[in-house]
Amino acid sequence: MHGPFSIETDRLLIRPWEPGDDAGFREMVGDPEMMRHISGGLRWDEERIAEFHARQRRHLASHGCCMGALVERASGDLAGVCGLQPMRASSEIEVGWWVAKRLWGRGLATEGGGAALRFAWEKLGLRRVVAIAAPENRASLRVMEKLGLRFERLASRRELGFPPPDLDLVIYGIERPPSAPPIGA
């Protein structure tokens, strides 16, 4: 339906971005509360929005994954951002999620993040995945811990290749679980 990068759960679909996602994405990145832990509360301008989408298209073409559209299956509405992408300043693959403010507290980040990790193990054959968050983003840290990721270190946004503001981020990591299907199976 959406090509090889399509991840489904009972409530969610994670897929590449489509033109119909634009309004919902702009609403999220234009909300300072939504962006508090992503860009220090700074709204994204047109250049940053275009760069995000171009980068996700490149990741999809080169790695078979991206930070895609997180869609509520029941309504078809954009629920956030979720998926996998290469880190900017290393060869590691990051799992990540943002959930639209109207849907906070419903477990969608855990559901989407868990499905993205299964995709990492089963479809991409990855041996390790990382996640990053602002240290004060307690909700995201709880999701990481529920999914089995563990704290590894602090790093600055600059060190990780992100644009300003240069705040500290935490890096969590997880190794491929023994229960995952064999690589190449």
C-alpha atoms as a PDB file:
ATOM      1  CA  MET A   1       0.000   0.000   0.000  1.00  0.00           C
ATOM      2  CA  HIS A   2       2.713   2.500   0.979  1.00  0.00           C
ATOM      3  CA  GLY A   3       5.789   0.635  -0.257  1.00  0.00           C
ATOM      4  CA  PRO A   4       8.254  -1.223   1.916  1.00  0.00           C
ATOM      5  CA  PHE A   5       8.280   1.337   4.754  1.00  0.00           C
ATOM      6  CA  SER A   6       4.887   0.747   6.302  1.00  0.00           C
ATOM      7  CA  ILE A   7       4.449  -0.220   9.944  1.00  0.00           C
ATOM      8  CA  GLU A   8       1.023  -1.085  11.346  1.00  0.00           C
ATOM      9  CA  THR A   9      -0.299  -1.623  14.845  1.00  0.00           C
ATOM     10  CA  ASP A  10      -3.880  -1.996  16.052  1.00  0.00           C
ATOM     11  CA  ARG A  11      -4.319   1.786  16.241  1.00  0.00           C
ATOM     12  CA  LEU A  12      -1.521   3.222  14.118  1.00  0.00           C
ATOM     13  CA  LEU A  13       0.099   3.318  10.707  1.00  0.00           C
ATOM     14  CA  ILE A  14       3.623   4.677  10.207  1.00  0.00           C
ATOM     15  CA  ARG A  15       4.337   5.486   6.566  1.00  0.00           C
ATOM     16  CA  PRO A  16       6.224   7.897   4.321  1.00  0.00           C
ATOM     17  CA  TRP A  17       4.965  11.476   4.200  1.00  0.00           C
ATOM     18  CA  GLU A  18       2.181  12.403   1.761  1.00  0.00           C
ATOM     19  CA  PRO A  19       0.998  15.864   0.650  1.00  0.00           C
ATOM     20  CA  GLY A  20      -2.193  15.466   2.702  1.00  0.00           C
ATOM     21  CA  ASP A  21      -0.091  15.375   5.900  1.00  0.00           C
ATOM     22  CA  ASP A  22       1.132  18.938   5.392  1.00  0.00           C
ATOM     23  CA  ALA A  23      -1.484  20.852   7.396  1.00  0.00           C
ATOM     24  CA  GLY A  24      -1.228  18.570  10.415  1.00  0.00           C
ATOM     25  CA  PHE A  25       2.575  18.644  10.339  1.00  0.00           C
ATOM     26  CA  ARG A  26       2.619  22.457  10.131  1.00  0.00           C
ATOM     27  CA  GLU A  27       0.216  22.626  13.078  1.00  0.00           C
ATOM     28  CA  MET A  28       2.570  20.475  15.197  1.00  0.00           C
ATOM     29  CA  VAL A  29       5.796  22.322  14.309  1.00  0.00           C
ATOM     30  CA  GLY A  30       4.056  25.680  14.739  1.00  0.00           C
ATOM     31  CA  ASP A  31       3.026  24.946  18.339  1.00  0.00           C
ATOM     32  CA  PRO A  32       5.645  26.091  20.879  1.00  0.00           C
ATOM     33  CA  GLU A  33       4.394  23.599  23.484  1.00  0.00           C
ATOM     34  CA  MET A  34       4.640  20.734  20.984  1.00  0.00           C
ATOM     35  CA  MET A  35       8.166  21.842  20.020  1.00  0.00           C
ATOM     36  CA  ARG A  36       9.334  22.504  23.591  1.00  0.00           C
ATOM     37  CA  HIS A  37      11.524  19.367  23.691  1.00  0.00           C
ATOM     38  CA  ILE A  38      12.258  19.192  19.945  1.00  0.00           C
ATOM     39  CA  SER A  39      13.560  22.665  19.136  1.00  0.00           C
ATOM     40  CA  GLY A  40      13.555  24.442  22.476  1.00  0.00           C
ATOM     41  CA  GLY A  41      10.022  25.710  21.832  1.00  0.00           C
ATOM     42  CA  LEU A  42      11.016  27.419  18.565  1.00  0.00           C
ATOM     43  CA  ARG A  43       8.431  27.171  15.793  1.00  0.00           C
ATOM     44  CA  TRP A  44       9.776  25.761  12.540  1.00  0.00           C
ATOM     45  CA  ASP A  45       9.971  28.075   9.541  1.00  0.00           C
ATOM     46  CA  GLU A  46       9.362  27.031   5.930  1.00  0.00           C
ATOM     47  CA  GLU A  47      13.043  26.292   5.367  1.00  0.00           C
ATOM     48  CA  ARG A  48      13.241  23.931   8.336  1.00  0.00           C
ATOM     49  CA  ILE A  49       9.998  22.166   7.333  1.00  0.00           C
ATOM     50  CA  ALA A  50      11.279  21.668   3.764  1.00  0.00           C
ATOM     51  CA  GLU A  51      14.665  20.442   5.033  1.00  0.00           C
ATOM     52  CA  PHE A  52      12.974  17.902   7.366  1.00  0.00           C
ATOM     53  CA  HIS A  53      10.875  16.449   4.540  1.00  0.00           C
ATOM     54  CA  ALA A  54      13.823  16.383   2.105  1.00  0.00           C
ATOM     55  CA  ARG A  55      15.965  14.621   4.729  1.00  0.00           C
ATOM     56  CA  GLN A  56      13.249  12.016   5.356  1.00  0.00           C
ATOM     57  CA  ARG A  57      12.957  11.329   1.602  1.00  0.00           C
ATOM     58  CA  ARG A  58      16.762  10.830   1.474  1.00  0.00           C
ATOM     59  CA  HIS A  59      16.667   8.466   4.472  1.00  0.00           C
ATOM     60  CA  LEU A  60      13.855   6.454   2.898  1.00  0.00           C
ATOM     61  CA  ALA A  61      15.812   6.107  -0.357  1.00  0.00           C
ATOM     62  CA  SER A  62      19.153   5.278   1.287  1.00  0.00           C
ATOM     63  CA  HIS A  63      18.122   3.328   4.423  1.00  0.00           C
ATOM     64  CA  GLY A  64      14.591   2.033   3.769  1.00  0.00           C
ATOM     65  CA  CYS A  65      13.227   3.942   6.757  1.00  0.00           C
ATOM     66  CA  CYS A  66      12.492   7.469   7.913  1.00  0.00           C
ATOM     67  CA  MET A  67      10.773   9.487  10.583  1.00  0.00           C
ATOM     68  CA  GLY A  68       7.429   9.024   8.914  1.00  0.00           C
ATOM     69  CA  ALA A  69       3.866  10.123   9.373  1.00  0.00           C
ATOM     70  CA  LEU A  70       2.217   8.570  12.430  1.00  0.00           C
ATOM     71  CA  VAL A  71      -1.426   8.127  11.429  1.00  0.00           C
ATOM     72  CA  GLU A  72      -4.450   7.050  13.484  1.00  0.00           C
ATOM     73  CA  ARG A  73      -5.858   4.113  11.537  1.00  0.00           C
ATOM     74  CA  ALA A  74      -9.468   4.657  12.671  1.00  0.00           C
ATOM     75  CA  SER A  75      -9.689   8.291  11.533  1.00  0.00           C
ATOM     76  CA  GLY A  76      -6.865   8.516   8.985  1.00  0.00           C
ATOM     77  CA  ASP A  77      -5.711  11.682  10.790  1.00  0.00           C
ATOM     78  CA  LEU A  78      -2.074  12.594  11.342  1.00  0.00           C
ATOM     79  CA  ALA A  79      -1.231  11.704  14.953  1.00  0.00           C
ATOM     80  CA  GLY A  80       2.449  12.669  14.945  1.00  0.00           C
ATOM     81  CA  VAL A  81       5.853  11.584  13.694  1.00  0.00           C
ATOM     82  CA  CYS A  82       7.414   8.174  14.289  1.00  0.00           C
ATOM     83  CA  GLY A  83      10.014   5.872  12.811  1.00  0.00           C
ATOM     84  CA  LEU A  84      13.708   5.349  12.334  1.00  0.00           C
ATOM     85  CA  GLN A  85      16.440   7.515  10.851  1.00  0.00           C
ATOM     86  CA  PRO A  86      20.228   7.700  10.770  1.00  0.00           C
ATOM     87  CA  MET A  87      21.709   9.998  13.380  1.00  0.00           C
ATOM     88  CA  ARG A  88      23.140  13.193  11.907  1.00  0.00           C
ATOM     89  CA  ALA A  89      26.687  12.857  13.259  1.00  0.00           C
ATOM     90  CA  SER A  90      27.144   9.075  13.530  1.00  0.00           C
ATOM     91  CA  SER A  91      26.245   5.885  11.706  1.00  0.00           C
ATOM     92  CA  GLU A  92      23.752   4.821  14.376  1.00  0.00           C
ATOM     93  CA  ILE A  93      20.025   4.531  13.715  1.00  0.00           C
ATOM     94  CA  GLU A  94      17.634   6.458  15.951  1.00  0.00           C
ATOM     95  CA  VAL A  95      14.078   5.451  16.835  1.00  0.00           C
ATOM     96  CA  GLY A  96      11.863   8.412  17.577  1.00  0.00           C
ATOM     97  CA  TRP A  97       8.350   9.733  18.015  1.00  0.00           C
ATOM     98  CA  TRP A  98       6.353  12.912  18.524  1.00  0.00           C
ATOM     99  CA  VAL A  99       2.650  12.674  19.250  1.00  0.00           C
ATOM    100  CA  ALA A 100       0.238  15.501  18.444  1.00  0.00           C
ATOM    101  CA  LYS A 101      -0.734  17.378  21.610  1.00  0.00           C
ATOM    102  CA  ARG A 102      -4.431  16.463  21.317  1.00  0.00           C
ATOM    103  CA  LEU A 103      -3.442  12.782  21.652  1.00  0.00           C
ATOM    104  CA  TRP A 104      -0.979  12.974  24.544  1.00  0.00           C
ATOM    105  CA  GLY A 105      -1.416  10.386  27.293  1.00  0.00           C
ATOM    106  CA  ARG A 106      -2.951   7.620  25.166  1.00  0.00           C
ATOM    107  CA  GLY A 107       0.124   5.380  24.814  1.00  0.00           C
ATOM    108  CA  LEU A 108       0.603   6.138  21.108  1.00  0.00           C
ATOM    109  CA  ALA A 109       4.326   6.922  21.469  1.00  0.00           C
ATOM    110  CA  THR A 110       4.965   3.577  23.167  1.00  0.00           C
ATOM    111  CA  GLU A 111       2.868   1.719  20.594  1.00  0.00           C
ATOM    112  CA  GLY A 112       4.503   3.444  17.616  1.00  0.00           C
ATOM    113  CA  GLY A 113       8.024   3.292  19.067  1.00  0.00           C
ATOM    114  CA  GLY A 114       7.676  -0.413  19.853  1.00  0.00           C
ATOM    115  CA  ALA A 115       6.461  -1.125  16.327  1.00  0.00           C
ATOM    116  CA  ALA A 116       9.369   0.886  14.881  1.00  0.00           C
ATOM    117  CA  LEU A 117      11.824  -1.160  16.974  1.00  0.00           C
ATOM    118  CA  ARG A 118      10.291  -4.414  15.677  1.00  0.00           C
ATOM    119  CA  PHE A 119      10.726  -3.046  12.137  1.00  0.00           C
ATOM    120  CA  ALA A 120      14.377  -2.262  12.973  1.00  0.00           C
ATOM    121  CA  TRP A 121      15.028  -5.845  14.102  1.00  0.00           C
ATOM    122  CA  GLU A 122      12.818  -7.770  11.654  1.00  0.00           C
ATOM    123  CA  LYS A 123      12.956  -5.762   8.414  1.00  0.00           C
ATOM    124  CA  LEU A 124      16.208  -3.801   8.642  1.00  0.00           C
ATOM    125  CA  GLY A 125      18.213  -6.423  10.563  1.00  0.00           C
ATOM    126  CA  LEU A 126      19.735  -3.816  12.852  1.00  0.00           C
ATOM    127  CA  ARG A 127      21.872  -4.903  15.800  1.00  0.00           C
ATOM    128  CA  ARG A 128      21.435  -1.710  17.826  1.00  0.00           C
ATOM    129  CA  VAL A 129      19.167   1.341  17.944  1.00  0.00           C
ATOM    130  CA  VAL A 130      19.422   4.591  19.920  1.00  0.00           C
ATOM    131  CA  ALA A 131      16.914   7.225  20.995  1.00  0.00           C
ATOM    132  CA  ILE A 132      17.515  10.816  22.033  1.00  0.00           C
ATOM    133  CA  ALA A 133      15.517  13.272  24.104  1.00  0.00           C
ATOM    134  CA  ALA A 134      15.797  16.420  26.136  1.00  0.00           C
ATOM    135  CA  PRO A 135      16.636  15.372  29.726  1.00  0.00           C
ATOM    136  CA  GLU A 136      13.524  17.165  31.010  1.00  0.00           C
ATOM    137  CA  ASN A 137      11.222  15.335  28.561  1.00  0.00           C
ATOM    138  CA  ARG A 138      10.000  12.869  31.174  1.00  0.00           C
ATOM    139  CA  ALA A 139       7.270  11.455  28.929  1.00  0.00           C
ATOM    140  CA  SER A 140       9.757  10.450  26.225  1.00  0.00           C
ATOM    141  CA  LEU A 141      12.200   9.050  28.779  1.00  0.00           C
ATOM    142  CA  ARG A 142       9.406   6.864  30.211  1.00  0.00           C
ATOM    143  CA  VAL A 143       8.589   5.586  26.710  1.00  0.00           C
ATOM    144  CA  MET A 144      12.275   4.755  26.095  1.00  0.00           C
ATOM    145  CA  GLU A 145      12.449   2.822  29.351  1.00  0.00           C
ATOM    146  CA  LYS A 146       9.157   0.965  28.657  1.00  0.00           C
ATOM    147  CA  LEU A 147      10.628  -0.093  25.310  1.00  0.00           C
ATOM    148  CA  GLY A 148      13.789  -1.444  26.969  1.00  0.00           C
ATOM    149  CA  LEU A 149      16.210   1.342  26.016  1.00  0.00           C
ATOM    150  CA  ARG A 150      18.714   2.322  28.703  1.00  0.00           C
ATOM    151  CA  PHE A 151      20.517   5.587  29.453  1.00  0.00           C
ATOM    152  CA  GLU A 152      24.008   5.741  27.932  1.00  0.00           C
ATOM    153  CA  ARG A 153      25.209   9.354  28.035  1.00  0.00           C
ATOM    154  CA  LEU A 154      24.550  13.075  27.727  1.00  0.00           C
ATOM    155  CA  ALA A 155      25.470  14.861  24.494  1.00  0.00           C
ATOM    156  CA  SER A 156      24.973  18.394  23.186  1.00  0.00           C
ATOM    157  CA  ARG A 157      22.691  19.076  20.232  1.00  0.00           C
ATOM    158  CA  ARG A 158      25.732  20.547  18.432  1.00  0.00           C
ATOM    159  CA  GLU A 159      27.778  17.374  19.032  1.00  0.00           C
ATOM    160  CA  LEU A 160      24.922  15.360  17.475  1.00  0.00           C
ATOM    161  CA  GLY A 161      24.690  17.657  14.429  1.00  0.00           C
ATOM    162  CA  PHE A 162      21.446  19.468  15.296  1.00  0.00           C
ATOM    163  CA  PRO A 163      20.707  23.135  14.615  1.00  0.00           C
ATOM    164  CA  PRO A 164      20.453  25.604  17.540  1.00  0.00           C
ATOM    165  CA  PRO A 165      19.549  25.938  20.280  1.00  0.00           C
ATOM    166  CA  ASP A 166      22.518  23.971  21.648  1.00  0.00           C
ATOM    167  CA  LEU A 167      20.937  22.134  24.569  1.00  0.00           C
ATOM    168  CA  ASP A 168      21.953  18.873  26.179  1.00  0.00           C
ATOM    169  CA  LEU A 169      20.253  15.662  25.081  1.00  0.00           C
ATOM    170  CA  VAL A 170      20.266  12.197  26.601  1.00  0.00           C
ATOM    171  CA  ILE A 171      21.128   9.183  24.485  1.00  0.00           C
ATOM    172  CA  TYR A 172      19.491   5.861  25.280  1.00  0.00           C
ATOM    173  CA  GLY A 173      20.349   2.627  23.489  1.00  0.00           C
ATOM    174  CA  ILE A 174      19.125  -0.923  22.996  1.00  0.00           C
ATOM    175  CA  GLU A 175      20.793  -3.991  21.513  1.00  0.00           C
ATOM    176  CA  ARG A 176      18.935  -6.426  19.291  1.00  0.00           C
ATOM    177  CA  PRO A 177      17.087  -8.795  21.637  1.00  0.00           C
ATOM    178  CA  PRO A 178      17.857 -12.531  21.444  1.00  0.00           C
ATOM    179  CA  SER A 179      14.152 -13.125  20.714  1.00  0.00           C
ATOM    180  CA  ALA A 180      14.336 -11.127  17.442  1.00  0.00           C
ATOM    181  CA  PRO A 181      14.298 -13.216  14.253  1.00  0.00           C
ATOM    182  CA  PRO A 182      17.751 -14.092  12.905  1.00  0.00           C
ATOM    183  CA  ILE A 183      19.275 -11.408  10.686  1.00  0.00           C
ATOM    184  CA  GLY A 184      18.471 -12.187   7.067  1.00  0.00           C
ATOM    185  CA  ALA A 185      15.574 -14.526   7.972  1.00  0.00           C
END
